[in-house]
Amino acid sequence: MERQEKQLDFKNNEVNETINTLGLLWDPVEDCFAFRVNSVESNYDNVTKRQVMSEIAKLFDPLELLGAIIVIAKIIMQDLWREGLAWDEKLTDDQLIMWKRLRDDLPEIAKMRIPRLVKVHSAFRYEIHGFSDASMKAYGCCIYLRNVRPDGSAELHLLCGKSRVTPIKETKRQPGNELNPGEMTMPRLELCAAKLLAEQVAVVLAALEVEVDRVVLWSDSQIVLSWIENMKPDVPVFSDDPHDYRALSPGHFLIGRELNAVAEPLYDDIKENSLSRYQLIQKRKQSFWKRWSNDYLTELQRRYKWNKTPTAVRNGMMVLLKEENTPPQSWHLGRVVSVNPG
C-alpha cells in the first residue's frame, strides 16, 4: 500500500478547509472535529430497507462522539431486521415516521464542532468521568476528561462514547410477562451499561497519554450500585457457575445486601408462660412466617390458562427449596443441574 503524506503550512494560512483524517473531518484552523452528512432528496414515498441501511452505513463515527444520534439509527436498523422486511420492501408507517424524523435532523450535525485537543496545559490535575445509562431500547455510556486548574476551575472535554441496542428477545417481551432467568430487565440493562462503561474506560486509560489522577464512574441506578458494592471480586453478578448460589433478594433493596442473621430456635411446642418477652415475640414472628409461607407464598405462583404454557424448569435455574416447619432465613437456594421429565 502506497503511503501518502500531505504537508500543511499553518503559518502562511494556506489551510482554509476541513481535511479528511482517518475518516474524520478535521478543521485545522479551529483544531476541531467536524461532521458532514450528504444531502438527499426529501422523498419519503418509497423508502425501502435497502435505502435506510445504505444511509445508516454512511454515518462514520468511530469514537461515537455522536452517540446519542447514532443509537437512534441502530434502533431503526434493529427494528427493520426484527420485522423481517425484504431489502426492497417499503417501510411501515411507524418506521417511516421514525426514519423521517432522524433523516430530517441529520443535516444539523454539520453545525457541531468537537475540540481535538482535550488536554489543557494549564491544568495540574486530570480526571476521567464516565456516565452510563439505559432504557428498554438501548444502553450506552460516555467518557469525559476533566482538566482541573490551580485556581479550582475545571474544563471538561468529551473523549468518546459507546452505545448498544437492547437484545431483540427483550424488546419482544411485553410488560408484565414472566421473565426467564436469562432475559433482560431494567436493572440488568443498567448493569450492562455500567459494564460497558468500565470496559471503555479501560480502553481509554490504556490509550490516553495523560497521567490520570482520579477515575469516577457514574450511574443513576441504586440497584446497580448495590450490586457492584456487594459483589465478590472476580465473580460476575450474572454468573453461570453452577456452584454460585447467590441471588437477588429483598434485602438487597432494603439494606443493599443479603439478610444475614442467626436462625432462632422454634418455640411452637413451648408454652407461652415459659417464654421470655423476647422469645414470645420470636414465637409470634415464627407463627406469622408459617402462615405467610403456607398460605400467601403459594398464591404468588402464576396460574396459567389452558392456552398459556408455563415456564419450564431448565438446567442452570436458581430455585428456592421450600421446607416445611423451617424458620425464616433457613431455606436453601439450589441450582438445577439436571431435568428428568416424568
Protein backbone atom coordinates (compact mmCIF):
# COMPACT_ATOMS: atom_id res chain seq x y z
CA MET A 1 0.00 0.00 0.00
CA GLU A 2 1.42 3.34 -1.02
CA ARG A 3 1.88 5.78 1.84
CA GLN A 4 0.63 9.28 1.19
CA GLU A 5 1.56 12.36 3.18
CA LYS A 6 0.34 15.92 2.97
CA GLN A 7 2.24 18.84 4.43
CA LEU A 8 0.29 21.84 5.64
CA ASP A 9 1.64 25.35 6.10
CA PHE A 10 -0.20 26.79 9.10
CA LYS A 11 1.99 29.89 9.38
CA ASN A 12 1.02 31.25 5.98
CA ASN A 13 -2.66 30.32 6.49
CA GLU A 14 -2.74 28.12 3.44
CA VAL A 15 -5.23 25.83 5.13
CA ASN A 16 -8.79 27.12 4.98
CA GLU A 17 -10.90 23.98 4.72
CA THR A 18 -11.54 20.77 6.58
CA ILE A 19 -9.30 17.78 5.98
CA ASN A 20 -10.31 14.12 5.97
CA THR A 21 -8.18 12.45 8.64
CA LEU A 22 -8.67 8.71 9.25
CA GLY A 23 -12.26 9.03 8.15
CA LEU A 24 -12.93 12.06 10.35
CA LEU A 25 -13.22 15.65 9.21
CA TRP A 26 -10.66 17.88 10.90
CA ASP A 27 -10.75 21.65 10.79
CA PRO A 28 -7.08 22.69 11.23
CA VAL A 29 -7.94 26.37 11.76
CA GLU A 30 -10.22 25.76 14.76
CA ASP A 31 -8.47 22.46 15.60
CA CYS A 32 -11.71 20.56 16.00
CA PHE A 33 -13.52 17.62 14.50
CA ALA A 34 -16.49 18.23 12.23
CA PHE A 35 -19.13 16.04 10.67
CA ARG A 36 -20.74 16.06 7.27
CA VAL A 37 -23.94 14.43 6.03
CA ASN A 38 -24.61 14.33 2.33
CA SER A 39 -27.95 15.89 1.44
CA VAL A 40 -30.51 13.68 -0.29
CA GLU A 41 -33.89 14.30 -1.82
CA SER A 42 -36.62 14.56 0.80
CA ASN A 43 -38.81 11.99 -0.92
CA TYR A 44 -40.30 9.57 1.56
CA ASP A 45 -42.88 7.96 -0.73
CA ASN A 46 -40.99 4.73 -1.45
CA VAL A 47 -38.36 4.35 1.24
CA THR A 48 -37.07 0.78 1.39
CA LYS A 49 -34.94 -1.15 3.80
CA ARG A 50 -32.02 -1.04 1.34
CA GLN A 51 -32.07 2.77 1.23
CA VAL A 52 -32.22 3.10 5.00
CA MET A 53 -29.35 0.64 5.54
CA SER A 54 -27.27 2.48 2.95
CA GLU A 55 -27.81 5.84 4.67
CA ILE A 56 -27.03 4.43 8.12
CA ALA A 57 -23.81 2.86 6.85
CA LYS A 58 -22.58 6.33 5.83
CA LEU A 59 -22.66 7.54 9.45
CA PHE A 60 -19.00 7.03 10.29
CA ASP A 61 -18.27 7.90 13.91
CA PRO A 62 -15.61 5.52 15.35
CA LEU A 63 -15.38 7.40 18.66
CA GLU A 64 -19.18 7.67 18.90
CA LEU A 65 -18.96 11.36 19.63
CA LEU A 66 -22.46 11.44 18.17
CA GLY A 67 -23.60 8.50 20.25
CA ALA A 68 -26.99 9.99 21.10
CA ILE A 69 -27.74 10.21 17.35
CA ILE A 70 -26.06 7.00 16.25
CA VAL A 71 -28.06 4.94 18.74
CA ILE A 72 -31.33 6.06 17.12
CA ALA A 73 -30.04 4.75 13.79
CA LYS A 74 -29.14 1.48 15.50
CA ILE A 75 -32.65 1.17 16.93
CA ILE A 76 -34.17 1.75 13.49
CA MET A 77 -31.82 -0.84 11.99
CA GLN A 78 -32.75 -3.40 14.65
CA ASP A 79 -36.45 -2.74 14.12
CA LEU A 80 -36.12 -3.37 10.37
CA TRP A 81 -34.40 -6.70 10.96
CA ARG A 82 -36.88 -7.71 13.64
CA GLU A 83 -39.84 -7.09 11.31
CA GLY A 84 -38.18 -9.25 8.66
CA LEU A 85 -38.59 -6.73 5.81
CA ALA A 86 -37.11 -7.65 2.44
CA TRP A 87 -34.35 -5.42 1.07
CA ASP A 88 -36.63 -3.66 -1.42
CA GLU A 89 -39.74 -3.69 0.75
CA LYS A 90 -41.23 -0.38 1.87
CA LEU A 91 -41.11 0.69 5.50
CA THR A 92 -44.19 0.57 7.67
CA ASP A 93 -45.85 3.82 8.70
CA ASP A 94 -44.30 3.81 12.18
CA GLN A 95 -40.84 3.00 10.81
CA LEU A 96 -41.18 5.70 8.17
CA ILE A 97 -42.07 8.33 10.80
CA MET A 98 -39.02 7.44 12.91
CA TRP A 99 -36.72 7.42 9.88
CA LYS A 100 -38.09 10.73 8.54
CA ARG A 101 -37.56 12.39 11.91
CA LEU A 102 -33.96 11.19 12.08
CA ARG A 103 -33.14 11.95 8.43
CA ASP A 104 -34.52 15.50 8.61
CA ASP A 105 -32.38 16.25 11.68
CA LEU A 106 -29.12 14.76 10.36
CA PRO A 107 -28.00 17.93 8.49
CA GLU A 108 -27.84 19.68 11.87
CA ILE A 109 -24.78 17.53 12.63
CA ALA A 110 -22.73 19.75 10.29
CA LYS A 111 -23.06 22.58 12.82
CA MET A 112 -21.34 20.59 15.56
CA ARG A 113 -17.68 21.10 16.42
CA ILE A 114 -15.80 18.95 18.92
CA PRO A 115 -12.32 20.11 20.02
CA ARG A 116 -9.49 17.77 19.12
CA LEU A 117 -7.24 19.00 21.95
CA VAL A 118 -8.70 17.69 25.21
CA LYS A 119 -5.71 18.38 27.47
CA VAL A 120 -5.47 21.85 28.97
CA HIS A 121 -1.81 22.73 29.53
CA SER A 122 -2.57 24.99 32.50
CA ALA A 123 -4.20 22.11 34.38
CA PHE A 124 -2.37 20.38 37.21
CA ARG A 125 -4.86 17.57 37.75
CA TYR A 126 -6.65 15.28 35.29
CA GLU A 127 -9.73 13.21 36.00
CA ILE A 128 -11.74 10.70 33.99
CA HIS A 129 -15.51 10.88 34.46
CA GLY A 130 -17.75 8.28 32.84
CA PHE A 131 -21.54 8.15 32.71
CA SER A 132 -23.76 5.16 31.91
CA ASP A 133 -27.50 4.89 31.39
CA ALA A 134 -30.02 2.52 29.87
CA SER A 135 -33.56 2.29 28.56
CA MET A 136 -35.67 -0.60 27.33
CA LYS A 137 -34.46 0.07 23.76
CA ALA A 138 -30.75 0.77 24.21
CA TYR A 139 -27.97 1.44 26.69
CA GLY A 140 -24.70 3.30 26.48
CA CYS A 141 -22.01 5.38 28.08
CA CYS A 142 -19.83 8.45 27.53
CA ILE A 143 -16.43 9.43 28.91
CA TYR A 144 -15.05 12.89 29.67
CA LEU A 145 -11.62 14.22 30.60
CA ARG A 146 -11.82 16.82 33.39
CA ASN A 147 -8.96 19.31 33.50
CA VAL A 148 -8.60 20.97 36.92
CA ARG A 149 -6.65 24.23 37.09
CA PRO A 150 -4.76 25.52 40.15
CA ASP A 151 -7.49 28.10 40.86
CA GLY A 152 -10.08 25.33 41.19
CA SER A 153 -11.83 25.89 37.88
CA ALA A 154 -12.29 22.91 35.59
CA GLU A 155 -12.81 22.24 31.90
CA LEU A 156 -14.42 19.10 30.52
CA HIS A 157 -13.92 17.55 27.08
CA LEU A 158 -15.75 14.61 25.55
CA LEU A 159 -13.40 11.74 24.74
CA CYS A 160 -15.69 9.05 23.35
CA GLY A 161 -18.92 7.18 23.80
CA LYS A 162 -20.40 3.75 23.18
CA SER A 163 -23.95 2.52 22.69
CA ARG A 164 -25.69 -0.77 22.09
CA VAL A 165 -29.28 -1.72 21.39
CA THR A 166 -31.25 -3.95 23.71
CA PRO A 167 -31.29 -7.62 22.60
CA ILE A 168 -34.27 -8.47 20.42
CA LYS A 169 -35.58 -11.12 22.83
CA GLU A 170 -36.10 -8.37 25.43
CA THR A 171 -37.74 -5.87 23.08
CA LYS A 172 -40.32 -8.52 22.18
CA ARG A 173 -41.29 -9.08 25.82
CA GLN A 174 -44.45 -7.32 26.88
CA PRO A 175 -44.51 -5.58 30.29
CA GLY A 176 -45.94 -7.86 32.97
CA ASN A 177 -44.92 -11.11 31.31
CA GLU A 178 -42.93 -13.52 33.40
CA LEU A 179 -39.19 -13.31 32.89
CA ASN A 180 -36.90 -16.20 32.15
CA PRO A 181 -33.63 -16.15 34.10
CA GLY A 182 -31.62 -15.15 31.03
CA GLU A 183 -33.88 -12.30 29.93
CA MET A 184 -33.13 -8.62 30.41
CA THR A 185 -34.76 -6.38 32.99
CA MET A 186 -34.27 -2.68 33.55
CA PRO A 187 -31.75 -3.18 36.40
CA ARG A 188 -29.90 -5.73 34.28
CA LEU A 189 -29.75 -3.29 31.35
CA GLU A 190 -28.42 -0.63 33.72
CA LEU A 191 -25.77 -3.11 34.83
CA CYS A 192 -24.90 -3.85 31.19
CA ALA A 193 -24.41 -0.12 30.67
CA ALA A 194 -22.15 0.07 33.72
CA LYS A 195 -20.13 -2.90 32.46
CA LEU A 196 -19.82 -1.27 29.02
CA LEU A 197 -18.60 1.93 30.69
CA ALA A 198 -15.98 0.05 32.70
CA GLU A 199 -14.71 -1.67 29.56
CA GLN A 200 -14.50 1.62 27.64
CA VAL A 201 -12.68 3.37 30.49
CA ALA A 202 -10.07 0.61 30.49
CA VAL A 203 -9.50 1.19 26.76
CA VAL A 204 -9.28 4.97 27.23
CA LEU A 205 -6.79 4.73 30.10
CA ALA A 206 -4.57 2.47 28.01
CA ALA A 207 -4.61 4.88 25.06
CA LEU A 208 -4.59 8.23 26.84
CA GLU A 209 -1.14 9.75 27.16
CA VAL A 210 -2.06 11.64 30.31
CA GLU A 211 -1.37 10.73 33.92
CA VAL A 212 -4.88 10.46 35.30
CA ASP A 213 -5.22 11.32 39.00
CA ARG A 214 -8.78 10.16 39.51
CA VAL A 215 -11.38 7.99 37.78
CA VAL A 216 -15.07 8.42 38.66
CA LEU A 217 -17.84 6.35 37.07
CA TRP A 218 -21.45 7.47 37.47
CA SER A 219 -24.73 5.54 37.41
CA ASP A 220 -28.20 6.64 38.49
CA SER A 221 -29.32 3.08 39.31
CA GLN A 222 -29.25 2.38 43.05
CA ILE A 223 -29.73 -1.34 42.42
CA VAL A 224 -26.67 -1.49 40.17
CA LEU A 225 -24.60 0.46 42.69
CA SER A 226 -25.68 -2.01 45.38
CA TRP A 227 -24.79 -4.98 43.20
CA ILE A 228 -21.37 -3.58 42.42
CA GLU A 229 -20.68 -2.66 46.05
CA ASN A 230 -21.51 -6.14 47.35
CA MET A 231 -20.27 -8.35 44.54
CA LYS A 232 -17.38 -10.71 45.15
CA PRO A 233 -14.02 -9.96 43.49
CA ASP A 234 -13.58 -11.56 40.06
CA VAL A 235 -17.12 -13.00 40.16
CA PRO A 236 -19.71 -11.56 37.75
CA VAL A 237 -23.17 -10.66 39.03
CA PHE A 238 -24.80 -12.79 36.32
CA SER A 239 -22.75 -15.92 36.90
CA ASP A 240 -23.18 -19.19 35.01
CA ASP A 241 -21.13 -21.03 37.62
CA PRO A 242 -23.26 -23.97 38.89
CA HIS A 243 -21.62 -23.60 42.30
CA ASP A 244 -22.62 -19.94 42.65
CA TYR A 245 -25.78 -19.76 44.77
CA ARG A 246 -26.07 -16.00 45.12
CA ALA A 247 -29.41 -14.48 44.15
CA LEU A 248 -31.09 -11.09 44.31
CA SER A 249 -33.19 -10.91 47.47
CA PRO A 250 -35.42 -8.28 49.12
CA GLY A 251 -32.53 -7.49 51.44
CA HIS A 252 -30.56 -6.01 48.53
CA PHE A 253 -33.31 -3.43 48.06
CA LEU A 254 -33.70 -2.70 51.77
CA ILE A 255 -30.14 -2.59 53.11
CA GLY A 256 -28.03 -3.14 49.97
CA ARG A 257 -27.01 -6.73 50.82
CA GLU A 258 -28.46 -10.10 51.70
CA LEU A 259 -30.01 -10.61 55.13
CA ASN A 260 -27.65 -12.49 57.43
CA ALA A 261 -28.85 -13.47 60.87
CA VAL A 262 -28.60 -16.44 63.20
CA ALA A 263 -31.70 -18.63 62.94
CA GLU A 264 -33.79 -18.68 66.11
CA PRO A 265 -34.89 -21.98 67.62
CA LEU A 266 -38.52 -22.98 67.18
CA TYR A 267 -40.88 -22.08 70.03
CA ASP A 268 -44.04 -23.74 68.72
CA ASP A 269 -44.14 -26.51 71.33
CA ILE A 270 -43.22 -24.31 74.27
CA LYS A 271 -45.91 -22.77 76.45
CA GLU A 272 -46.09 -19.01 76.33
CA ASN A 273 -45.91 -18.58 80.11
CA SER A 274 -42.50 -20.25 79.98
CA LEU A 275 -41.09 -17.82 77.45
CA SER A 276 -39.38 -14.50 77.99
CA ARG A 277 -40.68 -11.39 76.27
CA TYR A 278 -38.09 -11.69 73.51
CA GLN A 279 -38.89 -15.39 72.97
CA LEU A 280 -42.59 -14.60 72.90
CA ILE A 281 -42.02 -12.05 70.14
CA GLN A 282 -39.98 -14.61 68.22
CA LYS A 283 -42.79 -17.14 68.57
CA ARG A 284 -45.29 -14.62 67.15
CA LYS A 285 -42.92 -13.94 64.27
CA GLN A 286 -42.47 -17.64 63.57
CA SER A 287 -46.23 -18.13 63.59
CA PHE A 288 -46.62 -15.32 61.10
CA TRP A 289 -43.84 -16.78 58.92
CA LYS A 290 -45.53 -20.18 58.90
CA ARG A 291 -48.86 -18.75 57.81
CA TRP A 292 -47.20 -16.47 55.25
CA SER A 293 -45.15 -19.27 53.67
CA ASN A 294 -48.04 -21.76 53.61
CA ASP A 295 -50.97 -19.51 52.70
CA TYR A 296 -49.64 -16.45 50.89
CA LEU A 297 -46.39 -17.52 49.27
CA THR A 298 -48.06 -20.31 47.33
CA GLU A 299 -50.55 -17.81 45.88
CA LEU A 300 -47.74 -15.90 44.19
CA GLN A 301 -47.34 -18.67 41.66
CA ARG A 302 -48.76 -17.63 38.31
CA ARG A 303 -51.92 -19.55 37.30
CA TYR A 304 -51.94 -20.24 33.60
CA LYS A 305 -55.00 -20.79 31.46
CA TRP A 306 -55.24 -23.69 29.04
CA ASN A 307 -53.72 -21.62 26.22
CA LYS A 308 -50.69 -20.47 28.24
CA THR A 309 -47.52 -22.52 28.54
CA PRO A 310 -45.85 -22.34 31.97
CA THR A 311 -42.15 -21.68 32.25
CA ALA A 312 -40.32 -24.98 32.19
CA VAL A 313 -37.57 -25.76 34.66
CA ARG A 314 -34.23 -25.71 32.89
CA ASN A 315 -30.65 -26.55 33.71
CA GLY A 316 -28.88 -23.67 35.43
CA MET A 317 -32.06 -22.22 37.02
CA MET A 318 -31.79 -20.81 40.53
CA VAL A 319 -34.60 -22.21 42.72
CA LEU A 320 -35.75 -21.81 46.31
CA LEU A 321 -36.09 -25.09 48.22
CA LYS A 322 -39.22 -24.89 50.34
CA GLU A 323 -39.10 -26.92 53.54
CA GLU A 324 -41.94 -27.41 55.97
CA ASN A 325 -41.50 -26.14 59.52
CA THR A 326 -38.30 -24.30 58.67
CA PRO A 327 -37.68 -20.92 60.33
CA PRO A 328 -37.03 -17.73 58.32
CA GLN A 329 -33.68 -17.28 56.55
CA SER A 330 -33.09 -21.03 56.67
CA TRP A 331 -34.47 -22.04 53.29
CA HIS A 332 -31.78 -23.19 50.92
CA LEU A 333 -31.04 -21.95 47.42
CA GLY A 334 -30.31 -24.52 44.76
CA ARG A 335 -29.31 -24.62 41.11
CA VAL A 336 -30.88 -27.15 38.73
CA VAL A 337 -28.20 -29.41 37.30
CA SER A 338 -30.40 -31.99 35.59
CA VAL A 339 -34.03 -32.15 34.43
CA ASN A 340 -35.78 -35.53 34.13
CA PRO A 341 -39.33 -35.11 32.76
CA GLY A 342 -41.74 -37.54 34.36
